[in-house]
């Protein structure tokens, strides 16, 4: 059975991709039934990972099943985590431990971590490989680093994810949706000329994660960067959004990194681009673009 814990932006894409590529049973957890994505062939379980009674109900539903788990449940708003660290810690660290205790029949688990665990690119690490030391510079990255330790202690796989985008499959719009709507309406969007990160579309990320999940457990790496070949500034991503919306690039207004960082409360790296050599080796592909894989 495939279990997606946290069927938000990326989780819903993984479920949709899995539904098109396997007949295996699929369940997805949502915090409330009003937030269920529109995906056929998925059984939905209401589950707040911080509530023991919900975890007990999930455990009962999964009893007797051999599980492949995609774990996406997280409090990932960087500034919210800074302002509410204990509340976020219960979700990002404590709940992960509780889920692993509640589901003892997990064969494979892919945990969604973040490039924030690395910190800031420098001359020694112009791109981060998985062997680079973790030096998170914001509270969110620190909490994710703690969660990674729990995943590794249980013998499962950490996937470090980049900036991702695409049309939301849930009731909640993604920034991509609001930006695309503005661009199609002829309204400008402001994007920061900096904050370089690796990137993937949600669809490509889901394809990669599903491909990893099909590997034998002993072939899965302990940690793997899941990202495309290149890094992008926020402005460059905005230009990509404009192209997809068939809108003029002139609608993407460039603002300085200093101006952009004034909107944030916790640290954002100038550059946190990751290296995907290990991922390509494991999957046997030659190139991973933002919206596609070259096998």
Protein backbone atom coordinates (compact mmCIF):
# COMPACT_ATOMS: atom_id res chain seq x y z
CA UNK A 1 0.00 0.00 0.00
CA UNK A 2 1.11 3.54 -0.78
CA UNK A 3 0.45 6.02 2.04
CA UNK A 4 0.95 9.75 1.51
CA UNK A 5 1.13 11.52 4.85
CA UNK A 6 0.23 15.12 4.14
CA UNK A 7 -1.59 15.43 0.82
CA UNK A 8 -0.89 19.09 0.16
CA UNK A 9 0.73 20.63 -2.91
CA UNK A 10 3.36 17.95 -3.54
CA UNK A 11 1.53 15.07 -1.85
CA UNK A 12 -1.48 15.48 -4.12
CA UNK A 13 0.77 15.35 -7.19
CA UNK A 14 2.42 12.16 -5.92
CA UNK A 15 -0.99 10.57 -5.40
CA UNK A 16 -2.15 11.60 -8.87
CA UNK A 17 1.02 10.25 -10.48
CA UNK A 18 0.79 7.00 -8.50
CA UNK A 19 -2.87 6.59 -9.48
CA UNK A 20 -1.86 6.70 -13.15
CA UNK A 21 1.05 4.27 -12.79
CA UNK A 22 0.08 1.55 -10.32
CA UNK A 23 -2.92 -0.48 -9.22
CA UNK A 24 -1.51 -0.65 -5.70
CA UNK A 25 -3.83 0.61 -2.95
CA UNK A 26 -3.36 4.32 -2.26
CA UNK A 27 -4.35 6.34 0.77
CA UNK A 28 -3.77 10.00 1.48
CA UNK A 29 -4.11 11.87 4.73
CA UNK A 30 -5.73 15.29 5.00
CA UNK A 31 -6.28 17.45 8.06
CA UNK A 32 -9.93 17.98 7.12
CA UNK A 33 -12.21 16.34 4.57
CA UNK A 34 -13.03 19.74 3.08
CA UNK A 35 -9.46 19.88 1.74
CA UNK A 36 -9.53 16.65 -0.26
CA UNK A 37 -7.83 16.99 -3.68
CA UNK A 38 -9.75 15.81 -6.73
CA UNK A 39 -7.93 12.55 -7.48
CA UNK A 40 -9.68 9.33 -8.44
CA UNK A 41 -8.81 6.00 -6.86
CA UNK A 42 -7.50 7.37 -3.56
CA UNK A 43 -8.87 6.56 -0.13
CA UNK A 44 -8.77 9.61 2.12
CA UNK A 45 -8.10 9.46 5.84
CA UNK A 46 -8.58 12.52 8.04
CA UNK A 47 -5.45 12.78 10.14
CA UNK A 48 -3.80 15.53 12.12
CA UNK A 49 -0.35 14.05 12.79
CA UNK A 50 -0.15 15.82 16.17
CA UNK A 51 -3.23 13.98 17.48
CA UNK A 52 -2.74 10.49 18.91
CA UNK A 53 -6.33 9.45 18.22
CA UNK A 54 -5.89 10.28 14.53
CA UNK A 55 -2.65 8.32 14.36
CA UNK A 56 -4.38 5.35 16.02
CA UNK A 57 -7.13 5.44 13.37
CA UNK A 58 -4.51 5.64 10.60
CA UNK A 59 -2.62 2.74 12.13
CA UNK A 60 -5.77 0.62 12.22
CA UNK A 61 -6.47 1.38 8.57
CA UNK A 62 -2.94 0.35 7.58
CA UNK A 63 -2.82 -2.76 9.78
CA UNK A 64 -1.60 -5.81 7.89
CA UNK A 65 -0.38 -3.77 4.92
CA UNK A 66 3.21 -3.46 3.76
CA UNK A 67 3.65 0.28 3.43
CA UNK A 68 5.53 2.58 1.11
CA UNK A 69 5.20 5.97 2.79
CA UNK A 70 5.73 9.44 1.39
CA UNK A 71 5.97 11.81 4.35
CA UNK A 72 5.11 15.44 3.56
CA UNK A 73 3.40 16.59 6.76
CA UNK A 74 5.19 19.75 7.91
CA UNK A 75 4.93 23.30 9.09
CA UNK A 76 7.03 24.86 6.34
CA UNK A 77 6.26 28.57 6.44
CA UNK A 78 9.73 29.80 7.39
CA UNK A 79 8.56 32.96 9.12
CA UNK A 80 5.76 31.18 11.01
CA UNK A 81 8.29 28.64 12.29
CA UNK A 82 10.49 31.48 13.55
CA UNK A 83 7.60 33.10 15.43
CA UNK A 84 6.03 29.85 16.71
CA UNK A 85 8.98 27.45 17.11
CA UNK A 86 7.40 25.13 19.69
CA UNK A 87 4.17 24.74 17.74
CA UNK A 88 6.18 24.05 14.60
CA UNK A 89 8.46 21.61 16.42
CA UNK A 90 5.46 19.47 17.39
CA UNK A 91 4.63 19.08 13.70
CA UNK A 92 8.09 18.99 12.15
CA UNK A 93 9.83 16.72 14.66
CA UNK A 94 7.60 15.25 17.39
CA UNK A 95 4.79 14.17 15.05
CA UNK A 96 7.25 12.45 12.71
CA UNK A 97 8.48 10.30 15.58
CA UNK A 98 4.89 9.52 16.57
CA UNK A 99 3.93 8.48 13.03
CA UNK A 100 6.91 6.14 12.79
CA UNK A 101 5.91 4.58 16.10
CA UNK A 102 2.28 4.26 14.97
CA UNK A 103 3.10 2.55 11.66
CA UNK A 104 5.52 -0.30 12.41
CA UNK A 105 4.90 -2.03 9.06
CA UNK A 106 6.75 0.50 6.88
CA UNK A 107 8.96 -1.09 4.24
CA UNK A 108 10.08 2.16 2.58
CA UNK A 109 9.68 5.79 3.61
CA UNK A 110 10.69 8.88 1.67
CA UNK A 111 10.82 11.92 3.94
CA UNK A 112 10.47 15.41 2.47
CA UNK A 113 13.26 17.60 3.78
CA UNK A 114 14.57 20.88 2.40
CA UNK A 115 17.59 22.63 0.94
CA UNK A 116 17.39 24.89 4.02
CA UNK A 117 19.33 22.28 6.02
CA UNK A 118 22.50 23.19 4.10
CA UNK A 119 22.58 26.90 4.77
CA UNK A 120 24.43 29.10 2.27
CA UNK A 121 26.50 28.17 -0.79
CA UNK A 122 30.12 29.33 -0.62
CA UNK A 123 33.35 28.91 -2.55
CA UNK A 124 33.88 25.44 -1.09
CA UNK A 125 30.30 24.39 -1.85
CA UNK A 126 29.07 26.31 -4.94
CA UNK A 127 26.41 23.62 -5.13
CA UNK A 128 25.50 21.34 -2.25
CA UNK A 129 26.06 17.61 -2.61
CA UNK A 130 24.57 15.32 0.00
CA UNK A 131 27.97 15.05 1.68
CA UNK A 132 28.16 18.79 2.38
CA UNK A 133 27.84 19.65 6.07
CA UNK A 134 24.46 20.83 7.30
CA UNK A 135 24.58 24.39 8.62
CA UNK A 136 20.99 25.66 8.62
CA UNK A 137 20.64 29.39 9.12
CA UNK A 138 16.92 29.54 9.88
CA UNK A 139 14.76 27.77 12.45
CA UNK A 140 12.88 25.80 9.81
CA UNK A 141 16.12 24.32 8.49
CA UNK A 142 17.22 23.48 12.03
CA UNK A 143 13.98 21.61 12.71
CA UNK A 144 14.20 19.71 9.44
CA UNK A 145 17.77 18.70 10.28
CA UNK A 146 16.50 17.23 13.56
CA UNK A 147 13.77 15.37 11.68
CA UNK A 148 16.33 13.94 9.26
CA UNK A 149 18.17 12.36 12.18
CA UNK A 150 14.98 10.54 13.22
CA UNK A 151 14.43 9.27 9.66
CA UNK A 152 18.02 8.02 9.44
CA UNK A 153 17.78 6.31 12.84
CA UNK A 154 14.84 4.31 11.47
CA UNK A 155 16.76 3.37 8.32
CA UNK A 156 14.65 5.36 5.87
CA UNK A 157 15.37 7.88 3.10
CA UNK A 158 15.66 11.66 3.31
CA UNK A 159 14.84 13.56 0.14
CA UNK A 160 16.04 17.17 0.18
CA UNK A 161 13.68 19.20 -1.94
CA UNK A 162 14.11 22.52 -3.79
CA UNK A 163 11.68 25.29 -4.65
CA UNK A 164 8.66 23.68 -6.35
CA UNK A 165 5.76 25.12 -8.25
CA UNK A 166 2.71 24.27 -10.31
CA UNK A 167 -1.07 24.58 -10.33
CA UNK A 168 -2.52 23.51 -7.00
CA UNK A 169 -4.57 20.31 -6.98
CA UNK A 170 -5.99 21.23 -3.56
CA UNK A 171 -8.48 23.83 -2.42
CA UNK A 172 -5.60 26.09 -1.41
CA UNK A 173 -3.96 28.13 -4.21
CA UNK A 174 -0.19 28.07 -4.61
CA UNK A 175 1.82 31.24 -5.29
CA UNK A 176 2.13 29.93 -8.84
CA UNK A 177 -1.67 30.12 -9.21
CA UNK A 178 -1.96 33.69 -7.98
CA UNK A 179 1.05 34.85 -10.01
CA UNK A 180 -0.20 33.15 -13.17
CA UNK A 181 -3.67 34.63 -12.74
CA UNK A 182 -2.17 38.10 -12.36
CA UNK A 183 0.03 37.68 -15.43
CA UNK A 184 -2.83 36.40 -17.58
CA UNK A 185 -4.84 39.45 -16.49
CA UNK A 186 -2.04 41.76 -17.57
CA UNK A 187 -1.03 42.63 -14.03
CA UNK A 188 2.66 42.77 -13.07
CA UNK A 189 4.30 40.58 -10.46
CA UNK A 190 7.39 41.58 -8.47
CA UNK A 191 10.16 39.01 -8.19
CA UNK A 192 13.49 39.16 -6.36
CA UNK A 193 16.67 39.34 -8.42
CA UNK A 194 18.45 36.80 -6.24
CA UNK A 195 17.73 34.01 -3.71
CA UNK A 196 19.04 31.32 -6.03
CA UNK A 197 17.71 27.82 -5.48
CA UNK A 198 17.29 24.59 -7.36
CA UNK A 199 13.78 24.12 -8.73
CA UNK A 200 11.30 21.53 -10.01
CA UNK A 201 7.72 21.53 -11.09
CA UNK A 202 5.48 19.56 -8.74
CA UNK A 203 4.73 17.16 -11.58
CA UNK A 204 8.41 16.38 -12.18
CA UNK A 205 9.10 16.11 -8.44
CA UNK A 206 6.24 13.64 -8.10
CA UNK A 207 7.58 11.55 -10.99
CA UNK A 208 11.03 11.44 -9.40
CA UNK A 209 9.75 10.53 -5.94
CA UNK A 210 7.54 7.79 -7.34
CA UNK A 211 10.48 6.39 -9.35
CA UNK A 212 12.59 6.33 -6.18
CA UNK A 213 9.82 4.52 -4.30
CA UNK A 214 9.83 1.72 -6.89
CA UNK A 215 13.45 0.88 -6.13
CA UNK A 216 14.26 -1.95 -3.70
CA UNK A 217 14.66 -0.68 -0.15
CA UNK A 218 18.36 -1.57 -0.10
CA UNK A 219 18.93 0.46 -3.30
CA UNK A 220 17.55 3.67 -1.84
CA UNK A 221 20.19 6.15 -0.68
CA UNK A 222 20.14 7.39 2.89
CA UNK A 223 19.93 10.98 1.62
CA UNK A 224 19.33 12.31 -1.87
CA UNK A 225 18.88 15.77 -3.34
CA UNK A 226 15.75 15.81 -5.49
CA UNK A 227 16.18 18.74 -7.85
CA UNK A 228 16.87 19.86 -11.39
CA UNK A 229 20.25 20.47 -12.98
CA UNK A 230 20.23 24.26 -12.58
CA UNK A 231 19.63 26.97 -10.03
CA UNK A 232 17.26 29.88 -10.59
CA UNK A 233 16.75 33.28 -9.04
CA UNK A 234 13.23 34.24 -8.01
CA UNK A 235 13.15 36.65 -10.96
CA UNK A 236 14.14 33.90 -13.41
CA UNK A 237 11.34 31.72 -12.04
CA UNK A 238 8.94 34.63 -12.49
CA UNK A 239 9.95 34.81 -16.15
CA UNK A 240 9.23 31.08 -16.43
CA UNK A 241 5.79 31.67 -14.91
CA UNK A 242 5.15 34.38 -17.53
CA UNK A 243 6.12 32.04 -20.35
CA UNK A 244 3.73 29.38 -19.07
CA UNK A 245 0.97 31.99 -18.78
CA UNK A 246 1.73 33.21 -22.33
CA UNK A 247 2.27 36.68 -20.86
CA UNK A 248 4.91 39.29 -21.75
CA UNK A 249 8.11 39.10 -19.73
CA UNK A 250 7.83 42.84 -19.13
CA UNK A 251 5.11 42.07 -16.56
CA UNK A 252 7.76 40.46 -14.34
CA UNK A 253 9.20 43.36 -12.37
CA UNK A 254 12.67 42.87 -10.92
CA UNK A 255 13.37 43.99 -7.36
CA UNK A 256 16.68 43.78 -5.54
CA UNK A 257 17.50 41.03 -3.09
CA UNK A 258 17.82 43.63 -0.36
CA UNK A 259 14.32 44.92 -1.11
CA UNK A 260 12.95 41.39 -1.20
CA UNK A 261 14.50 40.28 2.06
CA UNK A 262 12.75 43.18 3.80
CA UNK A 263 9.52 41.16 3.46
CA UNK A 264 10.99 38.20 5.38
CA UNK A 265 11.47 37.71 9.10
CA UNK A 266 13.87 34.76 9.13
CA UNK A 267 17.00 34.14 7.08
CA UNK A 268 16.84 33.29 3.38
CA UNK A 269 20.01 32.14 1.66
CA UNK A 270 21.36 34.19 -1.22
CA UNK A 271 22.15 30.84 -2.86
CA UNK A 272 21.27 27.28 -1.81
CA UNK A 273 21.60 25.44 -5.12
CA UNK A 274 21.91 21.65 -4.83
CA UNK A 275 23.79 19.07 -6.88
CA UNK A 276 21.71 16.18 -8.28
CA UNK A 277 24.50 13.84 -9.42
CA UNK A 278 23.51 11.14 -6.93
CA UNK A 279 19.86 11.30 -7.98
CA UNK A 280 20.70 10.90 -11.67
CA UNK A 281 22.98 7.98 -10.90
CA UNK A 282 20.32 6.22 -8.81
CA UNK A 283 17.59 6.76 -11.41
CA UNK A 284 19.85 6.11 -14.40
CA UNK A 285 18.97 9.34 -16.21
CA UNK A 286 21.21 11.88 -17.93
CA UNK A 287 19.47 15.15 -17.15
CA UNK A 288 16.72 16.52 -14.92
CA UNK A 289 15.10 19.74 -16.02
CA UNK A 290 12.53 21.78 -14.12
CA UNK A 291 9.79 20.14 -16.17
CA UNK A 292 11.13 16.86 -17.41
CA UNK A 293 13.62 14.01 -17.13
CA UNK A 294 15.96 12.84 -19.89
CA UNK A 295 16.44 9.10 -19.56
